[in-house]
Amino acid sequence: MLVADDEALVRAAVRAILARDPGIEVVAEARDGQEAVDAVREYRPDVALLDIQMPGLDGIVAAERIHRELPGTAVVMLTTFGEDDFIARALRGGADGFLLKADDPRELLTGVHAVAGGGAYLSPKVAARVVAGLRAGGSDAAAVGPLTEQLAERLTEREHAVLALVGCGLSNAEIGRRLFLVEGTVEAHVSAILAKLGVRNRVGAAIAAYEAGLVGRGRDGGR
């Protein structure tokens, strides 16, 4: 994969996290968006991890070019910024994932594997912001694809509780602590929820939770 960030220390930190996973190999680094596009052309990595704010060509424009010219490379945005306009621009530009630098390092590994496998991934914090946009009637968030309440009726009682907490933006570890479940069990429930609802990632599940009226219920521990 490719790691692009204008700060050498950040690139080193990201590489150190990725090095924990034997299934991930960093084949190139870039200091700005143009270098990232050029490196993707040369190395054709499965995943490009791009910072948003870089000198010259920013990460979102670089993501748009990679998505258009080199669709075989999935793009994950990594940034310190969580503002809604960045999230919306990244999604419209063809990004397959969106993570915040403040996220748990495990979210980085999970997100990289998700997009490398052909899926999409938004960290729980980003998913929560999209749901907040839906709640406020934001058009950019709504464009992600609202789901109907009927879909949530396919879930078991426990899956309803997990879905409610996904809708609140909690990570698998946080959900496990709230429901007294091991993290692996939560992961299995989330996978089942995605399959039953026919959505590809947590943001779709979070929107389903909001549409089904489960979000407020999740704050109190589920059904």
C-alpha atoms as a PDB file:
ATOM      1  CA  MET A   1       0.000   0.000   0.000  1.00  0.00           C
ATOM      2  CA  LEU A   2       0.930   3.688  -0.252  1.00  0.00           C
ATOM      3  CA  VAL A   3       1.116   6.159   2.634  1.00  0.00           C
ATOM      4  CA  ALA A   4       0.902   9.874   1.791  1.00  0.00           C
ATOM      5  CA  ASP A   5       1.346  12.663   4.342  1.00  0.00           C
ATOM      6  CA  ASP A   6       3.411  15.851   4.250  1.00  0.00           C
ATOM      7  CA  GLU A   7       4.789  15.169   7.757  1.00  0.00           C
ATOM      8  CA  ALA A   8       7.590  12.596   7.928  1.00  0.00           C
ATOM      9  CA  LEU A   9       6.827  11.783  11.563  1.00  0.00           C
ATOM     10  CA  VAL A  10       3.218  10.995  10.733  1.00  0.00           C
ATOM     11  CA  ARG A  11       4.262   8.729   7.872  1.00  0.00           C
ATOM     12  CA  ALA A  12       6.662   6.930  10.200  1.00  0.00           C
ATOM     13  CA  ALA A  13       3.968   6.492  12.851  1.00  0.00           C
ATOM     14  CA  VAL A  14       1.479   5.144  10.317  1.00  0.00           C
ATOM     15  CA  ARG A  15       4.076   2.734   8.919  1.00  0.00           C
ATOM     16  CA  ALA A  16       4.794   1.492  12.449  1.00  0.00           C
ATOM     17  CA  ILE A  17       1.107   0.740  12.991  1.00  0.00           C
ATOM     18  CA  LEU A  18       0.753  -0.979   9.625  1.00  0.00           C
ATOM     19  CA  ALA A  19       3.900  -3.028  10.283  1.00  0.00           C
ATOM     20  CA  ARG A  20       2.045  -4.793  13.112  1.00  0.00           C
ATOM     21  CA  ASP A  21      -0.021  -6.600  10.496  1.00  0.00           C
ATOM     22  CA  PRO A  22       1.911  -9.165   8.412  1.00  0.00           C
ATOM     23  CA  GLY A  23      -0.764  -8.955   5.729  1.00  0.00           C
ATOM     24  CA  ILE A  24       0.034  -5.304   4.965  1.00  0.00           C
ATOM     25  CA  GLU A  25       3.116  -4.110   3.085  1.00  0.00           C
ATOM     26  CA  VAL A  26       3.931  -0.434   2.493  1.00  0.00           C
ATOM     27  CA  VAL A  27       5.519  -0.213  -0.967  1.00  0.00           C
ATOM     28  CA  ALA A  28       5.783   3.577  -1.256  1.00  0.00           C
ATOM     29  CA  GLU A  29       5.446   6.904   0.549  1.00  0.00           C
ATOM     30  CA  ALA A  30       4.508  10.361  -0.734  1.00  0.00           C
ATOM     31  CA  ARG A  31       4.791  13.896   0.666  1.00  0.00           C
ATOM     32  CA  ASP A  32       1.961  15.474  -1.315  1.00  0.00           C
ATOM     33  CA  GLY A  33      -0.954  14.631  -3.554  1.00  0.00           C
ATOM     34  CA  GLN A  34       0.936  14.712  -6.818  1.00  0.00           C
ATOM     35  CA  GLU A  35       3.607  12.373  -5.481  1.00  0.00           C
ATOM     36  CA  ALA A  36       0.821  10.077  -4.297  1.00  0.00           C
ATOM     37  CA  VAL A  37      -0.801   9.938  -7.738  1.00  0.00           C
ATOM     38  CA  ASP A  38       2.577   9.324  -9.394  1.00  0.00           C
ATOM     39  CA  ALA A  39       3.419   6.565  -6.897  1.00  0.00           C
ATOM     40  CA  VAL A  40       0.076   4.846  -7.464  1.00  0.00           C
ATOM     41  CA  ARG A  41       0.738   4.917 -11.206  1.00  0.00           C
ATOM     42  CA  GLU A  42       4.147   3.341 -10.657  1.00  0.00           C
ATOM     43  CA  TYR A  43       3.455   0.777  -7.923  1.00  0.00           C
ATOM     44  CA  ARG A  44      -0.278   0.058  -8.397  1.00  0.00           C
ATOM     45  CA  PRO A  45      -0.882  -0.627  -4.665  1.00  0.00           C
ATOM     46  CA  ASP A  46      -4.126  -2.181  -3.486  1.00  0.00           C
ATOM     47  CA  VAL A  47      -4.692   0.725  -1.072  1.00  0.00           C
ATOM     48  CA  ALA A  48      -3.593   4.373  -0.955  1.00  0.00           C
ATOM     49  CA  LEU A  49      -3.803   6.058   2.454  1.00  0.00           C
ATOM     50  CA  LEU A  50      -3.960   9.826   1.900  1.00  0.00           C
ATOM     51  CA  ASP A  51      -3.832  12.781   4.258  1.00  0.00           C
ATOM     52  CA  ILE A  52      -6.326  15.458   3.240  1.00  0.00           C
ATOM     53  CA  GLN A  53      -4.345  18.664   3.753  1.00  0.00           C
ATOM     54  CA  MET A  54      -1.077  18.417   1.834  1.00  0.00           C
ATOM     55  CA  PRO A  55       0.818  21.113  -0.087  1.00  0.00           C
ATOM     56  CA  GLY A  56       0.156  21.509  -3.782  1.00  0.00           C
ATOM     57  CA  LEU A  57      -2.348  18.852  -4.738  1.00  0.00           C
ATOM     58  CA  ASP A  58      -4.452  18.037  -1.681  1.00  0.00           C
ATOM     59  CA  GLY A  59      -5.533  14.544  -0.699  1.00  0.00           C
ATOM     60  CA  ILE A  60      -9.111  14.839  -1.905  1.00  0.00           C
ATOM     61  CA  VAL A  61      -8.108  15.942  -5.417  1.00  0.00           C
ATOM     62  CA  ALA A  62      -5.496  13.176  -5.443  1.00  0.00           C
ATOM     63  CA  ALA A  63      -8.201  10.697  -4.427  1.00  0.00           C
ATOM     64  CA  GLU A  64     -10.419  11.871  -7.283  1.00  0.00           C
ATOM     65  CA  ARG A  65      -7.605  11.351  -9.796  1.00  0.00           C
ATOM     66  CA  ILE A  66      -6.714   7.934  -8.444  1.00  0.00           C
ATOM     67  CA  HIS A  67     -10.376   6.883  -8.449  1.00  0.00           C
ATOM     68  CA  ARG A  68     -10.785   8.076 -12.037  1.00  0.00           C
ATOM     69  CA  GLU A  69      -7.475   6.921 -13.564  1.00  0.00           C
ATOM     70  CA  LEU A  70      -6.520   3.934 -11.388  1.00  0.00           C
ATOM     71  CA  PRO A  71      -9.711   2.378 -10.006  1.00  0.00           C
ATOM     72  CA  GLY A  72      -7.848  -0.774  -8.991  1.00  0.00           C
ATOM     73  CA  THR A  73      -6.411   1.148  -6.037  1.00  0.00           C
ATOM     74  CA  ALA A  74      -8.773   1.769  -3.125  1.00  0.00           C
ATOM     75  CA  VAL A  75      -8.403   5.097  -1.334  1.00  0.00           C
ATOM     76  CA  VAL A  76      -8.634   5.748   2.393  1.00  0.00           C
ATOM     77  CA  MET A  77      -8.555   9.319   3.694  1.00  0.00           C
ATOM     78  CA  LEU A  78      -6.696   9.899   6.965  1.00  0.00           C
ATOM     79  CA  THR A  79      -6.890  13.303   8.618  1.00  0.00           C
ATOM     80  CA  THR A  80      -6.997  15.228  11.881  1.00  0.00           C
ATOM     81  CA  PHE A  81     -10.095  17.017  10.616  1.00  0.00           C
ATOM     82  CA  GLY A  82     -13.630  15.724  11.128  1.00  0.00           C
ATOM     83  CA  GLU A  83     -15.605  18.589   9.612  1.00  0.00           C
ATOM     84  CA  ASP A  84     -18.589  17.508   7.566  1.00  0.00           C
ATOM     85  CA  ASP A  85     -17.414  19.238   4.386  1.00  0.00           C
ATOM     86  CA  PHE A  86     -14.229  17.151   4.350  1.00  0.00           C
ATOM     87  CA  ILE A  87     -16.222  13.953   4.839  1.00  0.00           C
ATOM     88  CA  ALA A  88     -18.714  14.851   2.096  1.00  0.00           C
ATOM     89  CA  ARG A  89     -15.997  15.909  -0.364  1.00  0.00           C
ATOM     90  CA  ALA A  90     -14.035  12.721   0.243  1.00  0.00           C
ATOM     91  CA  LEU A  91     -17.076  10.513  -0.296  1.00  0.00           C
ATOM     92  CA  ARG A  92     -18.095  12.367  -3.439  1.00  0.00           C
ATOM     93  CA  GLY A  93     -14.532  12.143  -4.725  1.00  0.00           C
ATOM     94  CA  GLY A  94     -14.583   8.370  -4.679  1.00  0.00           C
ATOM     95  CA  ALA A  95     -12.854   7.623  -1.367  1.00  0.00           C
ATOM     96  CA  ASP A  96     -13.505   4.087  -0.143  1.00  0.00           C
ATOM     97  CA  GLY A  97     -12.738   4.857   3.491  1.00  0.00           C
ATOM     98  CA  PHE A  98     -12.377   7.740   5.904  1.00  0.00           C
ATOM     99  CA  LEU A  99     -10.433   7.634   9.183  1.00  0.00           C
ATOM    100  CA  LEU A 100      -9.409  10.239  11.731  1.00  0.00           C
ATOM    101  CA  LYS A 101      -5.868  10.363  13.103  1.00  0.00           C
ATOM    102  CA  ALA A 102      -7.397  10.393  16.576  1.00  0.00           C
ATOM    103  CA  ASP A 103      -8.980   6.984  15.959  1.00  0.00           C
ATOM    104  CA  ASP A 104      -7.775   3.841  17.706  1.00  0.00           C
ATOM    105  CA  PRO A 105      -4.861   2.347  15.673  1.00  0.00           C
ATOM    106  CA  ARG A 106      -6.932  -0.807  15.269  1.00  0.00           C
ATOM    107  CA  GLU A 107      -9.401   1.201  13.211  1.00  0.00           C
ATOM    108  CA  LEU A 108      -6.607   1.913  10.717  1.00  0.00           C
ATOM    109  CA  LEU A 109      -5.862  -1.782  10.259  1.00  0.00           C
ATOM    110  CA  THR A 110      -9.555  -2.660  10.051  1.00  0.00           C
ATOM    111  CA  GLY A 111     -10.195   0.068   7.491  1.00  0.00           C
ATOM    112  CA  VAL A 112      -7.259  -0.916   5.289  1.00  0.00           C
ATOM    113  CA  HIS A 113      -8.333  -4.560   5.209  1.00  0.00           C
ATOM    114  CA  ALA A 114     -11.952  -3.592   4.508  1.00  0.00           C
ATOM    115  CA  VAL A 115     -11.194  -1.488   1.447  1.00  0.00           C
ATOM    116  CA  ALA A 116      -8.499  -3.887   0.216  1.00  0.00           C
ATOM    117  CA  GLY A 117     -11.187  -6.562   0.172  1.00  0.00           C
ATOM    118  CA  GLY A 118     -13.416  -4.448  -2.062  1.00  0.00           C
ATOM    119  CA  GLY A 119     -15.568  -2.943   0.653  1.00  0.00           C
ATOM    120  CA  ALA A 120     -15.811   0.511   2.169  1.00  0.00           C
ATOM    121  CA  TYR A 121     -15.075   1.707   5.690  1.00  0.00           C
ATOM    122  CA  LEU A 122     -15.867   4.749   7.781  1.00  0.00           C
ATOM    123  CA  SER A 123     -14.638   4.909  11.348  1.00  0.00           C
ATOM    124  CA  PRO A 124     -17.343   4.993  14.036  1.00  0.00           C
ATOM    125  CA  LYS A 125     -16.688   8.703  14.680  1.00  0.00           C
ATOM    126  CA  VAL A 126     -17.146   9.544  11.007  1.00  0.00           C
ATOM    127  CA  ALA A 127     -20.266   7.376  10.775  1.00  0.00           C
ATOM    128  CA  ALA A 128     -21.684   9.250  13.764  1.00  0.00           C
ATOM    129  CA  ARG A 129     -21.124  12.570  11.989  1.00  0.00           C
ATOM    130  CA  VAL A 130     -22.953  11.309   8.911  1.00  0.00           C
ATOM    131  CA  VAL A 131     -25.871  10.254  11.086  1.00  0.00           C
ATOM    132  CA  ALA A 132     -25.818  13.658  12.771  1.00  0.00           C
ATOM    133  CA  GLY A 133     -26.062  15.216   9.328  1.00  0.00           C
ATOM    134  CA  LEU A 134     -29.079  13.044   8.566  1.00  0.00           C
ATOM    135  CA  ARG A 135     -30.682  14.096  11.815  1.00  0.00           C
ATOM    136  CA  ALA A 136     -30.156  17.741  10.862  1.00  0.00           C
ATOM    137  CA  GLY A 137     -31.445  17.144   7.331  1.00  0.00           C
ATOM    138  CA  GLY A 138     -28.053  17.568   5.653  1.00  0.00           C
ATOM    139  CA  SER A 139     -28.240  16.769   1.948  1.00  0.00           C
ATOM    140  CA  ASP A 140     -24.660  15.494   1.679  1.00  0.00           C
ATOM    141  CA  ALA A 141     -25.192  12.906   4.395  1.00  0.00           C
ATOM    142  CA  ALA A 142     -28.571  11.901   3.023  1.00  0.00           C
ATOM    143  CA  ALA A 143     -26.947  11.163  -0.322  1.00  0.00           C
ATOM    144  CA  VAL A 144     -25.119   8.218   1.253  1.00  0.00           C
ATOM    145  CA  GLY A 145     -28.383   6.290   1.062  1.00  0.00           C
ATOM    146  CA  PRO A 146     -31.051   6.213   3.790  1.00  0.00           C
ATOM    147  CA  LEU A 147     -32.478   2.814   4.726  1.00  0.00           C
ATOM    148  CA  THR A 148     -36.009   1.926   5.776  1.00  0.00           C
ATOM    149  CA  GLU A 149     -37.218   0.858   9.181  1.00  0.00           C
ATOM    150  CA  GLN A 150     -38.424  -2.448   7.733  1.00  0.00           C
ATOM    151  CA  LEU A 151     -34.833  -3.602   7.176  1.00  0.00           C
ATOM    152  CA  ALA A 152     -34.037  -3.360  10.884  1.00  0.00           C
ATOM    153  CA  GLU A 153     -36.907  -5.758  11.627  1.00  0.00           C
ATOM    154  CA  ARG A 154     -34.781  -8.592  10.206  1.00  0.00           C
ATOM    155  CA  LEU A 155     -32.423  -8.420  13.176  1.00  0.00           C
ATOM    156  CA  THR A 156     -32.389 -10.413  16.395  1.00  0.00           C
ATOM    157  CA  GLU A 157     -32.874  -8.735  19.756  1.00  0.00           C
ATOM    158  CA  ARG A 158     -29.113  -8.657  20.381  1.00  0.00           C
ATOM    159  CA  GLU A 159     -28.408  -7.341  16.872  1.00  0.00           C
ATOM    160  CA  HIS A 160     -30.878  -4.521  17.492  1.00  0.00           C
ATOM    161  CA  ALA A 161     -28.869  -3.530  20.570  1.00  0.00           C
ATOM    162  CA  VAL A 162     -25.567  -3.675  18.676  1.00  0.00           C
ATOM    163  CA  LEU A 163     -27.008  -1.716  15.744  1.00  0.00           C
ATOM    164  CA  ALA A 164     -28.263   0.985  18.123  1.00  0.00           C
ATOM    165  CA  LEU A 165     -24.758   1.469  19.507  1.00  0.00           C
ATOM    166  CA  VAL A 166     -23.210   1.471  16.033  1.00  0.00           C
ATOM    167  CA  GLY A 167     -25.636   4.283  15.288  1.00  0.00           C
ATOM    168  CA  CYS A 168     -24.270   6.193  18.284  1.00  0.00           C
ATOM    169  CA  GLY A 169     -20.775   5.977  16.767  1.00  0.00           C
ATOM    170  CA  LEU A 170     -19.309   3.456  19.217  1.00  0.00           C
ATOM    171  CA  SER A 171     -16.433   1.183  18.204  1.00  0.00           C
ATOM    172  CA  ASN A 172     -16.627  -2.599  18.571  1.00  0.00           C
ATOM    173  CA  ALA A 173     -14.578  -2.435  21.774  1.00  0.00           C
ATOM    174  CA  GLU A 174     -16.883   0.225  23.245  1.00  0.00           C
ATOM    175  CA  ILE A 175     -19.968  -1.778  22.262  1.00  0.00           C
ATOM    176  CA  GLY A 176     -18.476  -4.844  23.902  1.00  0.00           C
ATOM    177  CA  ARG A 177     -17.957  -2.981  27.160  1.00  0.00           C
ATOM    178  CA  ARG A 178     -21.474  -1.563  27.051  1.00  0.00           C
ATOM    179  CA  LEU A 179     -23.146  -4.921  26.365  1.00  0.00           C
ATOM    180  CA  PHE A 180     -20.684  -7.101  28.309  1.00  0.00           C
ATOM    181  CA  LEU A 181     -19.535  -8.944  25.179  1.00  0.00           C
ATOM    182  CA  VAL A 182     -16.067  -9.845  23.959  1.00  0.00           C
ATOM    183  CA  GLU A 183     -14.937  -7.814  20.965  1.00  0.00           C
ATOM    184  CA  GLY A 184     -14.904 -10.841  18.651  1.00  0.00           C
ATOM    185  CA  THR A 185     -18.574 -11.459  19.391  1.00  0.00           C
ATOM    186  CA  VAL A 186     -19.394  -7.844  18.595  1.00  0.00           C
ATOM    187  CA  GLU A 187     -17.512  -8.142  15.298  1.00  0.00           C
ATOM    188  CA  ALA A 188     -19.585 -11.208  14.431  1.00  0.00           C
ATOM    189  CA  HIS A 189     -22.816  -9.348  15.254  1.00  0.00           C
ATOM    190  CA  VAL A 190     -21.757  -6.348  13.146  1.00  0.00           C
ATOM    191  CA  SER A 191     -20.921  -8.618  10.197  1.00  0.00           C
ATOM    192  CA  ALA A 192     -24.329 -10.284  10.497  1.00  0.00           C
ATOM    193  CA  ILE A 193     -26.039  -6.894  10.661  1.00  0.00           C
ATOM    194  CA  LEU A 194     -24.298  -5.653   7.515  1.00  0.00           C
ATOM    195  CA  ALA A 195     -25.277  -8.827   5.656  1.00  0.00           C
ATOM    196  CA  LYS A 196     -28.913  -8.728   6.788  1.00  0.00           C
ATOM    197  CA  LEU A 197     -29.310  -5.042   5.973  1.00  0.00           C
ATOM    198  CA  GLY A 198     -27.476  -5.356   2.667  1.00  0.00           C
ATOM    199  CA  VAL A 199     -25.049  -2.530   3.449  1.00  0.00           C
ATOM    200  CA  ARG A 200     -21.285  -2.501   2.916  1.00  0.00           C
ATOM    201  CA  ASN A 201     -20.030  -0.636   5.964  1.00  0.00           C
ATOM    202  CA  ARG A 202     -20.739   0.890   9.349  1.00  0.00           C
ATOM    203  CA  VAL A 203     -22.089   4.131   7.933  1.00  0.00           C
ATOM    204  CA  GLY A 204     -24.901   2.232   6.203  1.00  0.00           C
ATOM    205  CA  ALA A 205     -25.647   0.436   9.451  1.00  0.00           C
ATOM    206  CA  ALA A 206     -25.549   3.716  11.383  1.00  0.00           C
ATOM    207  CA  ILE A 207     -28.027   5.276   8.979  1.00  0.00           C
ATOM    208  CA  ALA A 208     -30.270   2.224   9.367  1.00  0.00           C
ATOM    209  CA  ALA A 209     -30.163   2.686  13.142  1.00  0.00           C
ATOM    210  CA  TYR A 210     -31.223   6.298  12.780  1.00  0.00           C
ATOM    211  CA  GLU A 211     -33.964   5.516  10.252  1.00  0.00           C
ATOM    212  CA  ALA A 212     -35.350   2.770  12.517  1.00  0.00           C
ATOM    213  CA  GLY A 213     -35.399   5.027  15.580  1.00  0.00           C
ATOM    214  CA  LEU A 214     -32.813   2.943  17.443  1.00  0.00           C
ATOM    215  CA  VAL A 215     -30.197   5.613  18.129  1.00  0.00           C
ATOM    216  CA  GLY A 216     -31.774   7.109  21.247  1.00  0.00           C
ATOM    217  CA  ARG A 217     -32.498   3.615  22.523  1.00  0.00           C
ATOM    218  CA  GLY A 218     -28.826   2.655  22.057  1.00  0.00           C
ATOM    219  CA  ARG A 219     -27.674   5.379  24.416  1.00  0.00           C
ATOM    220  CA  ASP A 220     -29.534   3.579  27.166  1.00  0.00           C
ATOM    221  CA  GLY A 221     -27.987   0.193  26.444  1.00  0.00           C
ATOM    222  CA  GLY A 222     -30.254  -1.203  23.712  1.00  0.00           C
ATOM    223  CA  ARG A 223     -33.421  -3.218  23.926  1.00  0.00           C
END
